[in-house]
Amino acid sequence: MNNNSTIQEKREYLKKISQPLTELKESGAIESINAGLKAIYSAQGHEVLKTFEQWTSAGYRVKQGAKALYLWGKQTARTITEEGEEKEIKFFPLVALFSDLQVYNPDNNK
């Protein structure tokens, strides 16, 4: 499986779990789709979410085999060429995060 299909699969999964959150956001029950996703992750025990780089900077290591949790990034635009024409596409990138359950401090064995 190539990297592109993997990212596309992750994007489709995130869309699927985000779908019911859209109504909650529109009704004002949650502040944002990402807030709803964080609540879902929190219910699974994932309290503190940080990027790989943030955990590494704090002295932690991601446990081998840990799978990233995803949130939506800020909307961005990219120019692509399709059928000889340039056009701008807008999309929300994926942000890969790991939780406090997925890391350990090699100095403390935690």
N, C-alpha and C. Protein backbone atom coordinates (compact mmCIF):
# COMPACT_ATOMS: atom_id res chain seq x y z
N MET A 1 0.86 -1.18 0.00
CA MET A 1 0.00 0.00 0.00
C MET A 1 0.90 1.24 0.00
N ASN A 2 0.65 2.16 -0.92
CA ASN A 2 1.51 3.34 -0.96
C ASN A 2 1.03 4.39 0.03
N ASN A 3 1.87 5.38 0.27
CA ASN A 3 1.60 6.41 1.26
C ASN A 3 0.34 7.21 0.93
N ASN A 4 0.10 7.49 -0.36
CA ASN A 4 -1.07 8.25 -0.77
C ASN A 4 -2.37 7.55 -0.40
N SER A 5 -2.47 6.26 -0.70
CA SER A 5 -3.71 5.56 -0.39
C SER A 5 -3.91 5.48 1.12
N THR A 6 -2.84 5.36 1.86
CA THR A 6 -2.95 5.32 3.31
C THR A 6 -3.50 6.65 3.84
N ILE A 7 -2.99 7.75 3.35
CA ILE A 7 -3.48 9.06 3.79
C ILE A 7 -4.93 9.25 3.36
N GLN A 8 -5.25 8.82 2.16
CA GLN A 8 -6.63 8.93 1.69
C GLN A 8 -7.57 8.09 2.55
N GLU A 9 -7.14 6.91 2.95
CA GLU A 9 -7.96 6.08 3.83
C GLU A 9 -8.16 6.75 5.18
N LYS A 10 -7.11 7.35 5.72
CA LYS A 10 -7.21 8.05 7.00
C LYS A 10 -8.14 9.24 6.88
N ARG A 11 -8.06 9.95 5.76
CA ARG A 11 -8.93 11.09 5.50
C ARG A 11 -10.39 10.64 5.45
N GLU A 12 -10.67 9.54 4.76
CA GLU A 12 -12.04 9.03 4.66
C GLU A 12 -12.56 8.59 6.02
N TYR A 13 -11.71 7.95 6.82
CA TYR A 13 -12.12 7.54 8.16
C TYR A 13 -12.44 8.77 9.02
N LEU A 14 -11.59 9.80 8.94
CA LEU A 14 -11.81 11.01 9.73
C LEU A 14 -13.09 11.71 9.28
N LYS A 15 -13.37 11.71 7.99
CA LYS A 15 -14.63 12.28 7.49
C LYS A 15 -15.81 11.52 8.09
N LYS A 16 -15.70 10.20 8.12
CA LYS A 16 -16.79 9.35 8.62
C LYS A 16 -17.09 9.64 10.09
N ILE A 17 -16.04 9.72 10.93
CA ILE A 17 -16.31 9.96 12.35
C ILE A 17 -16.64 11.43 12.63
N SER A 18 -16.30 12.32 11.69
CA SER A 18 -16.63 13.74 11.84
C SER A 18 -18.06 14.06 11.44
N GLN A 19 -18.64 13.23 10.58
CA GLN A 19 -19.98 13.49 10.04
C GLN A 19 -21.02 13.77 11.12
N PRO A 20 -21.18 12.92 12.14
CA PRO A 20 -22.21 13.21 13.16
C PRO A 20 -21.88 14.46 13.98
N LEU A 21 -20.63 14.85 14.00
CA LEU A 21 -20.23 16.02 14.78
C LEU A 21 -20.66 17.32 14.11
N THR A 22 -20.91 17.28 12.81
CA THR A 22 -21.32 18.47 12.07
C THR A 22 -22.62 19.03 12.63
N GLU A 23 -23.58 18.16 12.88
CA GLU A 23 -24.87 18.59 13.45
C GLU A 23 -24.69 19.18 14.84
N LEU A 24 -23.82 18.56 15.63
CA LEU A 24 -23.56 19.08 16.98
C LEU A 24 -22.93 20.47 16.93
N LYS A 25 -22.04 20.67 15.98
CA LYS A 25 -21.40 21.98 15.81
C LYS A 25 -22.44 23.02 15.38
N GLU A 26 -23.26 22.66 14.40
CA GLU A 26 -24.27 23.58 13.89
C GLU A 26 -25.30 23.95 14.96
N SER A 27 -25.59 23.03 15.86
CA SER A 27 -26.56 23.31 16.93
C SER A 27 -25.93 24.04 18.11
N GLY A 28 -24.59 24.17 18.09
CA GLY A 28 -23.91 24.86 19.18
C GLY A 28 -23.52 23.96 20.33
N ALA A 29 -23.76 22.67 20.20
CA ALA A 29 -23.44 21.73 21.28
C ALA A 29 -21.93 21.57 21.46
N ILE A 30 -21.19 21.72 20.37
CA ILE A 30 -19.72 21.70 20.45
C ILE A 30 -19.18 22.90 19.69
N GLU A 31 -18.00 23.33 20.08
CA GLU A 31 -17.39 24.52 19.48
C GLU A 31 -16.90 24.26 18.06
N SER A 32 -16.36 23.06 17.82
CA SER A 32 -15.80 22.75 16.51
C SER A 32 -15.80 21.23 16.31
N ILE A 33 -15.57 20.83 15.07
CA ILE A 33 -15.45 19.40 14.77
C ILE A 33 -14.28 18.82 15.56
N ASN A 34 -13.16 19.55 15.60
CA ASN A 34 -11.99 19.07 16.34
C ASN A 34 -12.30 18.92 17.83
N ALA A 35 -13.11 19.80 18.39
CA ALA A 35 -13.49 19.67 19.81
C ALA A 35 -14.26 18.37 20.01
N GLY A 36 -15.12 18.03 19.07
CA GLY A 36 -15.86 16.77 19.14
C GLY A 36 -14.95 15.57 19.01
N LEU A 37 -13.98 15.66 18.09
CA LEU A 37 -13.02 14.56 17.93
C LEU A 37 -12.19 14.38 19.20
N LYS A 38 -11.78 15.49 19.82
CA LYS A 38 -11.01 15.41 21.07
C LYS A 38 -11.85 14.75 22.17
N ALA A 39 -13.14 15.04 22.20
CA ALA A 39 -14.03 14.42 23.20
C ALA A 39 -14.12 12.91 22.97
N ILE A 40 -14.19 12.51 21.70
CA ILE A 40 -14.22 11.08 21.38
C ILE A 40 -12.93 10.42 21.85
N TYR A 41 -11.80 11.04 21.53
CA TYR A 41 -10.50 10.47 21.94
C TYR A 41 -10.37 10.44 23.46
N SER A 42 -10.86 11.50 24.12
CA SER A 42 -10.79 11.57 25.58
C SER A 42 -11.60 10.45 26.22
N ALA A 43 -12.76 10.13 25.64
CA ALA A 43 -13.59 9.04 26.17
C ALA A 43 -12.88 7.69 26.05
N GLN A 44 -11.91 7.62 25.15
CA GLN A 44 -11.10 6.40 24.99
C GLN A 44 -9.84 6.44 25.86
N GLY A 45 -9.70 7.51 26.66
CA GLY A 45 -8.56 7.63 27.57
C GLY A 45 -7.42 8.48 27.07
N HIS A 46 -7.55 9.02 25.88
CA HIS A 46 -6.49 9.85 25.28
C HIS A 46 -6.68 11.31 25.72
N GLU A 47 -6.08 11.65 26.85
CA GLU A 47 -6.30 12.99 27.44
C GLU A 47 -5.42 14.08 26.84
N VAL A 48 -4.14 13.82 26.73
CA VAL A 48 -3.18 14.83 26.25
C VAL A 48 -2.75 14.45 24.84
N LEU A 49 -3.03 15.34 23.88
CA LEU A 49 -2.67 15.10 22.49
C LEU A 49 -1.59 16.07 22.05
N LYS A 50 -0.53 15.52 21.47
CA LYS A 50 0.57 16.34 20.96
C LYS A 50 1.10 15.70 19.68
N THR A 51 1.78 16.50 18.89
CA THR A 51 2.42 15.96 17.70
C THR A 51 3.64 15.14 18.11
N PHE A 52 4.12 14.34 17.18
CA PHE A 52 5.33 13.56 17.41
C PHE A 52 6.48 14.49 17.85
N GLU A 53 6.62 15.60 17.15
CA GLU A 53 7.69 16.55 17.46
C GLU A 53 7.54 17.16 18.85
N GLN A 54 6.31 17.46 19.24
CA GLN A 54 6.08 18.03 20.58
C GLN A 54 6.43 17.03 21.67
N TRP A 55 6.05 15.77 21.50
CA TRP A 55 6.40 14.75 22.49
C TRP A 55 7.91 14.58 22.56
N THR A 56 8.55 14.53 21.40
CA THR A 56 10.01 14.35 21.35
C THR A 56 10.72 15.51 22.05
N SER A 57 10.27 16.73 21.78
CA SER A 57 10.87 17.91 22.42
C SER A 57 10.71 17.88 23.93
N ALA A 58 9.64 17.26 24.41
CA ALA A 58 9.38 17.17 25.85
C ALA A 58 10.12 15.99 26.50
N GLY A 59 10.89 15.26 25.69
CA GLY A 59 11.68 14.16 26.23
C GLY A 59 11.00 12.80 26.20
N TYR A 60 9.90 12.69 25.49
CA TYR A 60 9.16 11.44 25.40
C TYR A 60 9.42 10.74 24.07
N ARG A 61 9.11 9.48 24.06
CA ARG A 61 9.18 8.69 22.82
C ARG A 61 7.84 8.04 22.59
N VAL A 62 7.46 7.95 21.32
CA VAL A 62 6.21 7.28 20.97
C VAL A 62 6.46 5.78 21.01
N LYS A 63 5.55 5.06 21.64
CA LYS A 63 5.68 3.60 21.76
C LYS A 63 5.63 2.96 20.37
N GLN A 64 6.46 1.95 20.19
CA GLN A 64 6.49 1.24 18.92
C GLN A 64 5.12 0.66 18.61
N GLY A 65 4.65 0.86 17.38
CA GLY A 65 3.36 0.35 16.96
C GLY A 65 2.17 1.27 17.25
N ALA A 66 2.41 2.38 17.93
CA ALA A 66 1.32 3.31 18.23
C ALA A 66 0.78 3.92 16.94
N LYS A 67 -0.52 4.00 16.83
CA LYS A 67 -1.18 4.58 15.66
C LYS A 67 -1.62 6.00 15.99
N ALA A 68 -1.31 6.91 15.09
CA ALA A 68 -1.66 8.31 15.30
C ALA A 68 -3.17 8.50 15.37
N LEU A 69 -3.57 9.50 16.13
CA LEU A 69 -4.94 9.98 16.17
C LEU A 69 -4.96 11.24 15.31
N TYR A 70 -6.06 11.51 14.65
CA TYR A 70 -6.07 12.62 13.70
C TYR A 70 -7.10 13.67 14.04
N LEU A 71 -6.70 14.92 13.79
CA LEU A 71 -7.60 16.07 13.83
C LEU A 71 -7.48 16.76 12.48
N TRP A 72 -8.40 17.67 12.21
CA TRP A 72 -8.34 18.46 10.98
C TRP A 72 -7.43 19.66 11.20
N GLY A 73 -6.56 19.93 10.22
CA GLY A 73 -5.72 21.12 10.26
C GLY A 73 -6.48 22.31 9.71
N LYS A 74 -5.81 23.47 9.70
CA LYS A 74 -6.42 24.68 9.14
C LYS A 74 -6.53 24.55 7.63
N GLN A 75 -7.64 25.06 7.11
CA GLN A 75 -7.87 24.98 5.66
C GLN A 75 -6.70 25.61 4.91
N THR A 76 -6.30 24.95 3.86
CA THR A 76 -5.19 25.43 3.04
C THR A 76 -5.58 25.30 1.57
N ALA A 77 -4.82 25.95 0.72
CA ALA A 77 -5.08 25.89 -0.72
C ALA A 77 -3.82 25.46 -1.44
N ARG A 78 -4.02 24.79 -2.55
CA ARG A 78 -2.90 24.34 -3.37
C ARG A 78 -3.31 24.46 -4.83
N THR A 79 -2.37 24.86 -5.65
CA THR A 79 -2.63 24.94 -7.08
C THR A 79 -2.20 23.63 -7.73
N ILE A 80 -3.11 23.05 -8.51
CA ILE A 80 -2.81 21.81 -9.21
C ILE A 80 -3.06 22.01 -10.71
N THR A 81 -2.47 21.16 -11.50
CA THR A 81 -2.71 21.18 -12.94
C THR A 81 -3.53 19.94 -13.29
N GLU A 82 -4.68 20.18 -13.89
CA GLU A 82 -5.58 19.09 -14.25
C GLU A 82 -6.04 19.31 -15.68
N GLU A 83 -5.77 18.33 -16.52
CA GLU A 83 -6.12 18.41 -17.94
C GLU A 83 -5.55 19.67 -18.58
N GLY A 84 -4.31 20.00 -18.21
CA GLY A 84 -3.62 21.14 -18.79
C GLY A 84 -4.02 22.50 -18.22
N GLU A 85 -4.94 22.53 -17.28
CA GLU A 85 -5.37 23.79 -16.68
C GLU A 85 -4.99 23.83 -15.21
N GLU A 86 -4.52 25.00 -14.80
CA GLU A 86 -4.21 25.18 -13.38
C GLU A 86 -5.47 25.58 -12.65
N LYS A 87 -5.66 24.98 -11.48
CA LYS A 87 -6.78 25.40 -10.65
C LYS A 87 -6.39 25.27 -9.19
N GLU A 88 -7.05 26.07 -8.38
CA GLU A 88 -6.77 26.07 -6.94
C GLU A 88 -7.79 25.17 -6.25
N ILE A 89 -7.27 24.30 -5.39
CA ILE A 89 -8.15 23.47 -4.57
C ILE A 89 -7.95 23.84 -3.11
N LYS A 90 -9.01 23.80 -2.35
CA LYS A 90 -8.94 24.07 -0.92
C LYS A 90 -9.28 22.79 -0.18
N PHE A 91 -8.55 22.55 0.90
CA PHE A 91 -8.79 21.33 1.67
C PHE A 91 -8.30 21.52 3.09
N PHE A 92 -8.73 20.61 3.96
CA PHE A 92 -8.28 20.59 5.35
C PHE A 92 -7.28 19.44 5.48
N PRO A 93 -6.02 19.74 5.77
CA PRO A 93 -5.04 18.66 5.93
C PRO A 93 -5.28 17.89 7.23
N LEU A 94 -4.68 16.73 7.33
CA LEU A 94 -4.75 15.93 8.54
C LEU A 94 -3.60 16.31 9.47
N VAL A 95 -3.87 16.32 10.76
CA VAL A 95 -2.84 16.57 11.76
C VAL A 95 -2.72 15.29 12.59
N ALA A 96 -1.56 14.67 12.53
CA ALA A 96 -1.31 13.42 13.27
C ALA A 96 -0.85 13.75 14.69
N LEU A 97 -1.53 13.16 15.66
CA LEU A 97 -1.23 13.38 17.07
C LEU A 97 -1.09 12.04 17.78
N PHE A 98 -0.39 12.10 18.90
CA PHE A 98 -0.26 10.94 19.78
C PHE A 98 -0.67 11.38 21.17
N SER A 99 -1.21 10.45 21.94
CA SER A 99 -1.69 10.79 23.28
C SER A 99 -0.71 10.33 24.35
N ASP A 100 -1.03 10.75 25.57
CA ASP A 100 -0.24 10.36 26.73
C ASP A 100 -0.24 8.84 26.94
N LEU A 101 -1.23 8.13 26.38
CA LEU A 101 -1.26 6.67 26.48
C LEU A 101 -0.28 6.00 25.51
N GLN A 102 0.20 6.77 24.54
CA GLN A 102 1.01 6.21 23.47
C GLN A 102 2.49 6.57 23.56
N VAL A 103 2.88 7.21 24.63
CA VAL A 103 4.27 7.65 24.77
C VAL A 103 4.85 7.19 26.10
N TYR A 104 6.16 7.25 26.20
CA TYR A 104 6.83 6.96 27.45
C TYR A 104 8.04 7.86 27.58
N ASN A 105 8.47 8.06 28.80
CA ASN A 105 9.66 8.85 29.08
C ASN A 105 10.79 7.86 29.31
N PRO A 106 11.77 7.81 28.40
CA PRO A 106 12.83 6.80 28.53
C PRO A 106 13.66 6.99 29.80
N ASP A 107 13.67 8.18 30.37
CA ASP A 107 14.44 8.43 31.59
C ASP A 107 13.72 7.90 32.83
N ASN A 108 12.39 7.84 32.78
CA ASN A 108 11.60 7.39 33.94
C ASN A 108 10.94 6.04 33.72
N ASN A 109 11.12 5.48 32.52
CA ASN A 109 10.45 4.24 32.12
C ASN A 109 8.94 4.35 32.26
N LYS A 110 8.40 5.55 31.99
CA LYS A 110 6.94 5.77 32.03
C LYS A 110 6.45 6.12 30.65
